[in-house]
Amino acid sequence: MRTSVFALFLVVGVACGGGGAGSQGDALPDTRPLDVPETDALDLGPETATTDDGTQPDFVADSSPRDAPAPGDDAVDTVDLGPETAPLDDTTADLPIDTTPDVPPPTGPVNFAVVSDTHLSADPEDPANRNFTRAAGLLAAGDVPIERLFVTGDITTDLLTVQDYAQAWLDGEGDSIPVLDEMRRLADTLLAGAIRLVLGNHDNRFIDQFQGNEVPLAAWLRAFEGSSSFPAPWYVEDIRGCRFVVLWSCEMATDHANNDTPTFGDGQIAWLREQLADGLPTVVFWHHWIGPWTDPEPPPPLLAALEDNPTGAARVTFSGHSHDWRRHEWQGTRFYQTAALRDEPDAIHQVICDGEAGTIVVTDEDGIPYLP
């Protein structure tokens, strides 16, 4: 029964396309996570995850409004050795010794990249999936390897299933969601675990149907259990003096229409303010594009939080949603929109954050055809 139902889901998913009815997209297994380059800290949002080796970032208690249990404050120093094995016997004495030298941790500025609106399906041969794999390969083969690849929403072309199917899996009574299985595979195998995910409006929809955030969010969290690629709907990671903040711009969505507009709960905004207060050069990611604020009324809470910058620390934001290249600066914060990787195979922002110098530079900005 599952095979025929999934085949129907794929047909419907293709019919929906990347944008989907009501979207502004055209307008405005279980595998163990791979090692991640050493970082200073990874602070999680509503949920937490655990690290697999000593080089993973420490997971710290979160100050978000959700009541997720917080782990201890001690650094994680253990290495996950996988399934328990039998004790070694004397025959192991002749086994060769691994003399591979340790790879030193990265130093200096942080090189990272941003893509958006990948609109992946469960099929690895789907053109959108091939675009994503190709982009990751190009970034991995660059002269300066990147440490992070942020995907700013509409990761999938929708959860190509129905809500009851997803709930059955969450209840332990059904199969997993194929498109999430594929995304987890990609995150675990590309760029040595450097991928970081930001949820968009398509990522909480079932075949173009918005039915609330609870089940989709639970599905994403289960699919990425134990992975640093998606530890929570909002989270923060510090790397050598640079702060990377991931937000969830669908948090307050209540129907299909306002799922296509940016909404942030008060708790999330309060948490964001805490992340901005340290005065570090900070990069903030969410899905929905927000243009320049020209209204005489006070700006919405998100923009007010970014505007409040007494230290003058560098602040840059990245989003997507309307599949275009855009940029502007407002009250000292630079805003960038990345075009859809589904549509443009080379739609990538490449960026360097220098924590010591306090600077954030989009290195390929001059060659991008931003809208006027």
Protein backbone atom coordinates (compact mmCIF):
# COMPACT_ATOMS: atom_id res chain seq x y z
CA MET A 1 0.00 0.00 0.00
CA ARG A 2 2.86 2.41 0.90
CA THR A 3 4.46 2.09 -2.53
CA SER A 4 1.35 3.04 -4.41
CA VAL A 5 0.54 5.89 -2.01
CA PHE A 6 4.07 7.30 -2.26
CA ALA A 7 3.94 7.07 -6.04
CA LEU A 8 0.79 9.15 -5.91
CA PHE A 9 2.53 11.63 -3.60
CA LEU A 10 5.38 12.05 -6.06
CA VAL A 11 2.95 12.65 -8.92
CA VAL A 12 1.07 15.22 -6.89
CA GLY A 13 4.33 16.78 -5.70
CA VAL A 14 5.49 17.25 -9.27
CA ALA A 15 2.15 18.71 -10.19
CA CYS A 16 2.46 21.20 -7.34
CA GLY A 17 5.87 22.34 -8.56
CA GLY A 18 8.28 24.41 -6.56
CA GLY A 19 5.97 27.30 -5.80
CA GLY A 20 2.70 25.58 -4.99
CA ALA A 21 -0.72 27.14 -4.76
CA GLY A 22 -0.85 29.97 -2.34
CA SER A 23 2.96 30.27 -2.18
CA GLN A 24 4.92 33.32 -3.09
CA GLY A 25 7.76 31.12 -4.34
CA ASP A 26 7.54 32.54 -7.85
CA ALA A 27 6.69 36.01 -6.75
CA LEU A 28 8.60 37.74 -3.91
CA PRO A 29 18.64 6.53 6.75
CA ASP A 30 19.38 6.11 10.00
CA THR A 31 22.99 7.22 9.46
CA ARG A 32 25.38 8.67 11.92
CA PRO A 33 26.31 12.34 11.38
CA LEU A 34 29.78 12.97 10.07
CA ASP A 35 32.43 14.99 11.87
CA VAL A 36 32.03 18.71 11.89
CA PRO A 37 34.95 21.15 12.02
CA GLU A 38 35.72 22.37 15.51
CA THR A 39 33.59 25.20 16.76
CA ASP A 40 33.20 27.06 19.99
CA ALA A 41 29.58 26.36 20.84
CA LEU A 42 26.26 25.37 19.35
CA ASP A 43 23.32 26.71 21.29
CA LEU A 44 20.06 25.03 20.43
CA GLY A 45 16.51 26.25 20.17
CA PRO A 46 13.48 24.27 21.37
CA GLU A 47 15.13 20.84 21.03
CA THR A 48 18.67 19.65 21.69
CA ALA A 49 20.96 17.08 20.12
CA THR A 50 24.18 15.33 21.11
CA THR A 51 27.59 15.30 19.54
CA ASP A 52 29.35 12.28 18.12
CA ASP A 53 32.98 13.16 18.75
CA GLY A 54 35.18 15.53 20.59
CA THR A 55 35.43 17.93 17.69
CA GLN A 56 31.73 18.60 17.55
CA PRO A 57 30.51 21.86 19.07
CA ASP A 58 29.20 21.71 22.64
CA PHE A 59 25.42 21.80 22.84
CA VAL A 60 24.32 24.33 25.38
CA ALA A 61 21.04 25.02 27.11
CA ASP A 62 18.74 27.25 25.15
CA SER A 63 16.83 30.25 26.33
CA SER A 64 13.93 29.79 23.91
CA PRO A 65 10.38 29.72 25.25
CA ARG A 66 9.90 25.99 24.74
CA ASP A 67 10.24 23.62 27.68
CA ALA A 68 12.85 21.30 26.22
CA PRO A 69 15.14 19.63 28.81
CA ALA A 70 18.56 21.26 28.83
CA PRO A 71 21.74 19.18 28.84
CA GLY A 72 24.54 19.83 31.27
CA ASP A 73 27.03 22.60 30.80
CA ASP A 74 30.06 20.32 30.67
CA ALA A 75 31.85 19.91 27.36
CA VAL A 76 31.24 16.71 25.47
CA ASP A 77 34.49 14.75 25.38
CA THR A 78 33.29 11.26 24.45
CA VAL A 79 33.46 9.55 21.08
CA ASP A 80 30.56 7.44 19.84
CA LEU A 81 32.04 4.05 18.94
CA GLY A 82 28.85 2.61 17.47
CA PRO A 83 27.39 -0.81 18.40
CA GLU A 84 29.09 -2.64 21.24
CA THR A 85 31.74 -5.12 20.09
CA ALA A 86 33.39 -8.13 21.73
CA PRO A 87 36.65 -7.56 23.67
CA LEU A 88 39.81 -7.74 21.64
CA ASP A 89 41.89 -10.91 21.97
CA ASP A 90 45.59 -11.60 21.49
CA THR A 91 45.26 -11.83 17.72
CA THR A 92 44.91 -8.08 17.55
CA ALA A 93 48.57 -7.61 18.48
CA ASP A 94 49.60 -7.95 14.84
CA LEU A 95 47.04 -5.48 13.48
CA PRO A 96 48.60 -2.47 11.75
CA ILE A 97 48.69 0.76 13.71
CA ASP A 98 46.95 3.76 12.20
CA THR A 99 49.64 6.38 11.75
CA THR A 100 47.44 8.89 9.90
CA PRO A 101 48.27 12.32 11.31
CA ASP A 102 45.50 14.28 12.97
CA VAL A 103 44.01 17.02 10.85
CA PRO A 104 44.49 20.33 12.62
CA PRO A 105 41.34 22.32 13.32
CA PRO A 106 40.57 25.27 11.04
CA THR A 107 41.97 28.64 11.95
CA GLY A 108 41.39 32.18 10.83
CA PRO A 109 38.28 33.56 9.16
CA VAL A 110 35.20 31.36 8.62
CA ASN A 111 34.34 30.60 5.00
CA PHE A 112 30.70 29.68 4.45
CA ALA A 113 28.09 29.66 1.71
CA VAL A 114 24.36 30.21 1.44
CA VAL A 115 21.83 28.62 -0.91
CA SER A 116 18.07 28.83 -0.81
CA ASP A 117 14.86 27.34 -2.16
CA THR A 118 16.38 24.01 -3.16
CA HIS A 119 12.91 22.39 -3.39
CA LEU A 120 14.26 18.84 -3.09
CA SER A 121 12.20 15.69 -3.66
CA ALA A 122 12.78 12.09 -2.54
CA ASP A 123 14.37 11.27 -5.91
CA PRO A 124 18.17 11.78 -6.02
CA GLU A 125 17.93 12.17 -9.79
CA ASP A 126 15.41 14.99 -9.63
CA PRO A 127 16.96 18.08 -11.30
CA ALA A 128 16.60 20.05 -8.06
CA ASN A 129 18.43 17.36 -6.08
CA ARG A 130 21.15 17.21 -8.72
CA ASN A 131 21.58 20.99 -8.52
CA PHE A 132 22.05 20.76 -4.76
CA THR A 133 24.57 17.90 -5.02
CA ARG A 134 26.47 19.74 -7.73
CA ALA A 135 26.62 22.96 -5.71
CA ALA A 136 27.91 21.11 -2.64
CA GLY A 137 30.56 19.44 -4.77
CA LEU A 138 31.73 22.74 -6.23
CA LEU A 139 31.98 24.28 -2.77
CA ALA A 140 33.90 21.27 -1.42
CA ALA A 141 36.37 21.47 -4.29
CA GLY A 142 37.00 25.19 -3.95
CA ASP A 143 40.40 26.70 -3.30
CA VAL A 144 39.26 27.50 0.25
CA PRO A 145 36.93 24.74 1.55
CA ILE A 146 33.83 26.06 3.21
CA GLU A 147 32.99 25.19 6.81
CA ARG A 148 29.24 25.67 6.58
CA LEU A 149 26.54 25.59 3.94
CA PHE A 150 23.32 27.23 5.08
CA VAL A 151 20.08 26.38 3.23
CA THR A 152 17.65 29.21 3.91
CA GLY A 153 14.33 27.44 3.59
CA ASP A 154 12.05 25.68 1.16
CA ILE A 155 14.51 22.84 1.47
CA THR A 156 11.88 20.46 0.10
CA THR A 157 9.19 20.89 -2.50
CA ASP A 158 6.69 19.98 0.30
CA LEU A 159 6.47 16.95 2.55
CA LEU A 160 5.25 14.62 -0.18
CA THR A 161 2.88 12.69 2.03
CA VAL A 162 -0.23 13.35 4.11
CA GLN A 163 -0.38 14.34 7.74
CA ASP A 164 -1.81 11.00 8.93
CA TYR A 165 1.12 9.16 7.28
CA ALA A 166 3.61 11.42 9.07
CA GLN A 167 1.79 11.05 12.39
CA ALA A 168 1.80 7.25 12.08
CA TRP A 169 5.60 7.36 11.65
CA LEU A 170 5.97 9.64 14.64
CA ASP A 171 3.82 7.19 16.64
CA GLY A 172 6.09 4.29 15.64
CA GLU A 173 3.46 2.65 13.49
CA GLY A 174 4.51 3.54 9.95
CA ASP A 175 7.35 4.27 7.59
CA SER A 176 9.48 7.39 7.50
CA ILE A 177 8.94 10.26 5.08
CA PRO A 178 11.01 9.63 1.92
CA VAL A 179 11.86 13.27 1.18
CA LEU A 180 13.21 13.71 4.73
CA ASP A 181 15.20 10.48 4.38
CA GLU A 182 16.80 11.90 1.25
CA MET A 183 17.58 15.24 2.87
CA ARG A 184 19.16 13.48 5.86
CA ARG A 185 21.28 11.37 3.47
CA LEU A 186 22.50 14.47 1.69
CA ALA A 187 23.26 16.29 4.94
CA ASP A 188 25.23 13.32 6.26
CA THR A 189 27.27 12.70 3.12
CA LEU A 190 27.97 16.11 1.61
CA LEU A 191 30.53 18.61 2.88
CA ALA A 192 31.54 16.51 5.92
CA GLY A 193 28.45 17.40 7.94
CA ALA A 194 28.75 21.13 7.35
CA ILE A 195 25.15 21.64 6.17
CA ARG A 196 22.81 23.73 8.33
CA LEU A 197 19.09 23.89 7.61
CA VAL A 198 16.55 26.70 7.94
CA LEU A 199 12.85 25.81 7.59
CA GLY A 200 10.68 27.58 5.02
CA ASN A 201 6.98 27.60 4.21
CA HIS A 202 7.17 24.54 1.93
CA ASP A 203 8.92 22.55 4.65
CA ASN A 204 5.84 22.49 6.90
CA ARG A 205 3.30 21.64 4.17
CA PHE A 206 1.83 18.29 3.13
CA ILE A 207 1.44 18.30 -0.67
CA ASP A 208 0.55 22.00 -0.73
CA GLN A 209 -1.65 21.67 2.36
CA PHE A 210 -0.86 23.67 5.49
CA GLN A 211 -2.34 21.95 8.55
CA GLY A 212 -0.32 23.51 11.34
CA ASN A 213 3.32 23.35 12.37
CA GLU A 214 3.28 20.69 15.09
CA VAL A 215 3.48 17.50 13.01
CA PRO A 216 5.90 18.81 10.33
CA LEU A 217 8.27 20.20 12.95
CA ALA A 218 8.20 16.92 14.91
CA ALA A 219 8.96 15.06 11.68
CA TRP A 220 11.99 17.23 10.88
CA LEU A 221 13.31 16.88 14.42
CA ARG A 222 12.96 13.09 14.32
CA ALA A 223 14.47 12.80 10.85
CA PHE A 224 17.52 14.79 12.03
CA GLU A 225 17.83 13.30 15.51
CA GLY A 226 21.49 13.32 16.52
CA SER A 227 22.47 15.63 13.67
CA SER A 228 23.85 19.13 13.95
CA SER A 229 22.31 19.96 10.58
CA PHE A 230 18.92 20.60 12.18
CA PRO A 231 19.03 20.47 16.00
CA ALA A 232 16.03 22.77 16.52
CA PRO A 233 13.81 25.22 14.62
CA TRP A 234 16.04 28.03 15.83
CA TYR A 235 19.59 27.70 17.08
CA VAL A 236 22.95 29.48 17.26
CA GLU A 237 26.50 28.40 16.56
CA ASP A 238 29.71 30.27 17.36
CA ILE A 239 32.82 29.64 15.28
CA ARG A 240 36.07 31.50 16.06
CA GLY A 241 34.46 34.74 17.08
CA CYS A 242 31.64 34.67 14.52
CA ARG A 243 28.04 34.01 15.50
CA PHE A 244 25.58 32.24 13.20
CA VAL A 245 21.90 32.52 14.17
CA VAL A 246 19.17 30.44 12.51
CA LEU A 247 15.58 31.63 12.89
CA TRP A 248 12.18 30.10 11.99
CA SER A 249 10.06 32.57 10.08
CA CYS A 250 6.92 30.35 9.95
CA GLU A 251 6.60 30.02 13.72
CA MET A 252 3.24 31.76 14.07
CA ALA A 253 1.63 30.57 10.82
CA THR A 254 -2.03 29.66 11.23
CA ASP A 255 -3.19 29.06 7.66
CA HIS A 256 -1.91 28.61 4.13
CA ALA A 257 -1.82 32.35 3.37
CA ASN A 258 0.10 33.61 6.39
CA ASN A 259 2.45 30.64 6.16
CA ASP A 260 3.80 32.58 3.19
CA THR A 261 4.62 35.66 5.29
CA PRO A 262 7.32 36.02 7.97
CA THR A 263 6.13 35.47 11.54
CA PHE A 264 8.26 35.19 14.70
CA GLY A 265 6.96 34.56 18.20
CA ASP A 266 7.85 36.88 21.07
CA GLY A 267 9.98 34.19 22.70
CA GLN A 268 12.03 33.72 19.55
CA ILE A 269 12.64 37.44 19.24
CA ALA A 270 13.68 37.67 22.90
CA TRP A 271 16.09 34.80 22.29
CA LEU A 272 17.46 36.57 19.22
CA ARG A 273 18.13 39.70 21.26
CA GLU A 274 20.19 37.60 23.68
CA GLN A 275 22.30 36.29 20.81
CA LEU A 276 22.89 39.80 19.49
CA ALA A 277 23.80 41.31 22.86
CA ASP A 278 27.40 40.01 22.93
CA GLY A 279 28.45 42.31 20.11
CA LEU A 280 29.98 39.59 17.94
CA PRO A 281 29.91 39.86 14.17
CA THR A 282 26.65 38.03 13.53
CA VAL A 283 25.00 36.40 10.52
CA VAL A 284 21.26 35.75 10.82
CA PHE A 285 19.32 33.36 8.58
CA TRP A 286 15.60 32.93 8.00
CA HIS A 287 13.43 32.10 5.01
CA HIS A 288 11.08 34.93 4.05
CA TRP A 289 12.60 38.00 2.41
CA ILE A 290 12.04 41.27 4.27
CA GLY A 291 12.61 44.42 2.28
CA PRO A 292 13.59 47.92 3.47
CA TRP A 293 11.40 49.35 6.21
CA THR A 294 10.00 52.67 5.01
CA ASP A 295 6.83 52.87 7.11
CA PRO A 296 6.71 55.79 9.55
CA GLU A 297 5.48 53.40 12.23
CA PRO A 298 8.05 51.57 14.42
CA PRO A 299 9.56 48.53 12.70
CA PRO A 300 8.38 45.00 13.54
CA PRO A 301 10.13 43.23 16.44
CA LEU A 302 12.64 41.38 14.25
CA LEU A 303 13.90 44.55 12.63
CA ALA A 304 13.86 46.39 15.95
CA ALA A 305 16.11 43.69 17.42
CA LEU A 306 18.56 44.04 14.55
CA GLU A 307 18.45 47.83 14.75
CA ASP A 308 19.40 47.73 18.45
CA ASN A 309 23.18 47.55 18.02
CA PRO A 310 25.01 49.78 20.51
CA THR A 311 28.39 48.14 19.78
CA GLY A 312 28.11 48.65 16.05
CA ALA A 313 28.96 44.98 15.45
CA ALA A 314 28.74 43.77 11.86
CA ARG A 315 25.34 42.22 11.13
CA VAL A 316 24.31 40.49 7.90
CA THR A 317 21.15 38.54 7.14
CA PHE A 318 20.30 35.97 4.46
CA SER A 319 16.90 34.78 3.31
CA GLY A 320 15.14 33.49 0.21
CA HIS A 321 11.49 32.76 -0.64
CA SER A 322 10.81 34.83 -3.76
CA HIS A 323 13.54 33.17 -5.86
CA ASP A 324 15.31 36.43 -6.75
CA TRP A 325 18.63 38.13 -6.04
CA ARG A 326 18.09 41.11 -3.74
CA ARG A 327 20.06 43.19 -1.28
CA HIS A 328 19.68 46.33 0.76
CA GLU A 329 21.01 47.93 3.92
CA TRP A 330 18.83 49.19 6.76
CA GLN A 331 20.07 50.79 9.98
CA GLY A 332 23.53 49.26 9.56
CA THR A 333 22.37 45.69 8.86
CA ARG A 334 22.90 44.29 5.37
CA PHE A 335 20.12 42.10 3.96
CA TYR A 336 20.66 39.56 1.17
CA GLN A 337 18.23 37.33 -0.67
CA THR A 338 19.63 34.28 -2.50
CA ALA A 339 17.94 33.16 -5.72
CA ALA A 340 16.46 29.66 -5.92
CA LEU A 341 19.05 26.92 -6.41
CA ARG A 342 16.25 24.85 -7.93
CA ASP A 343 16.09 27.30 -10.82
CA GLU A 344 19.71 28.50 -11.00
CA PRO A 345 22.40 25.83 -10.50
CA ASP A 346 24.97 28.45 -9.49
CA ALA A 347 22.75 30.44 -7.10
CA ILE A 348 25.21 30.64 -4.22
CA HIS A 349 26.31 33.41 -1.91
CA GLN A 350 29.90 32.90 -0.72
CA VAL A 351 30.88 34.72 2.46
CA ILE A 352 33.81 35.19 4.84
CA CYS A 353 33.37 36.15 8.50
CA ASP A 354 36.51 37.29 10.28
CA GLY A 355 35.86 37.12 14.02
CA GLU A 356 39.11 38.84 14.89
CA ALA A 357 38.62 41.74 12.52
CA GLY A 358 34.86 41.82 13.15
CA THR A 359 33.99 41.82 9.45
CA ILE A 360 31.54 39.93 7.22
CA VAL A 361 32.21 40.04 3.46
CA VAL A 362 30.13 38.58 0.63
CA THR A 363 32.98 37.69 -1.67
CA ASP A 364 30.99 37.12 -4.88
CA GLU A 365 28.69 40.12 -4.50
CA ASP A 366 30.05 42.04 -7.47
CA GLY A 367 29.15 39.26 -9.92
CA ILE A 368 25.54 38.75 -8.79
CA PRO A 369 22.67 40.33 -10.79
CA TYR A 370 20.71 41.82 -7.89
CA LEU A 371 17.39 43.44 -8.68
CA PRO A 372 17.47 47.25 -8.62
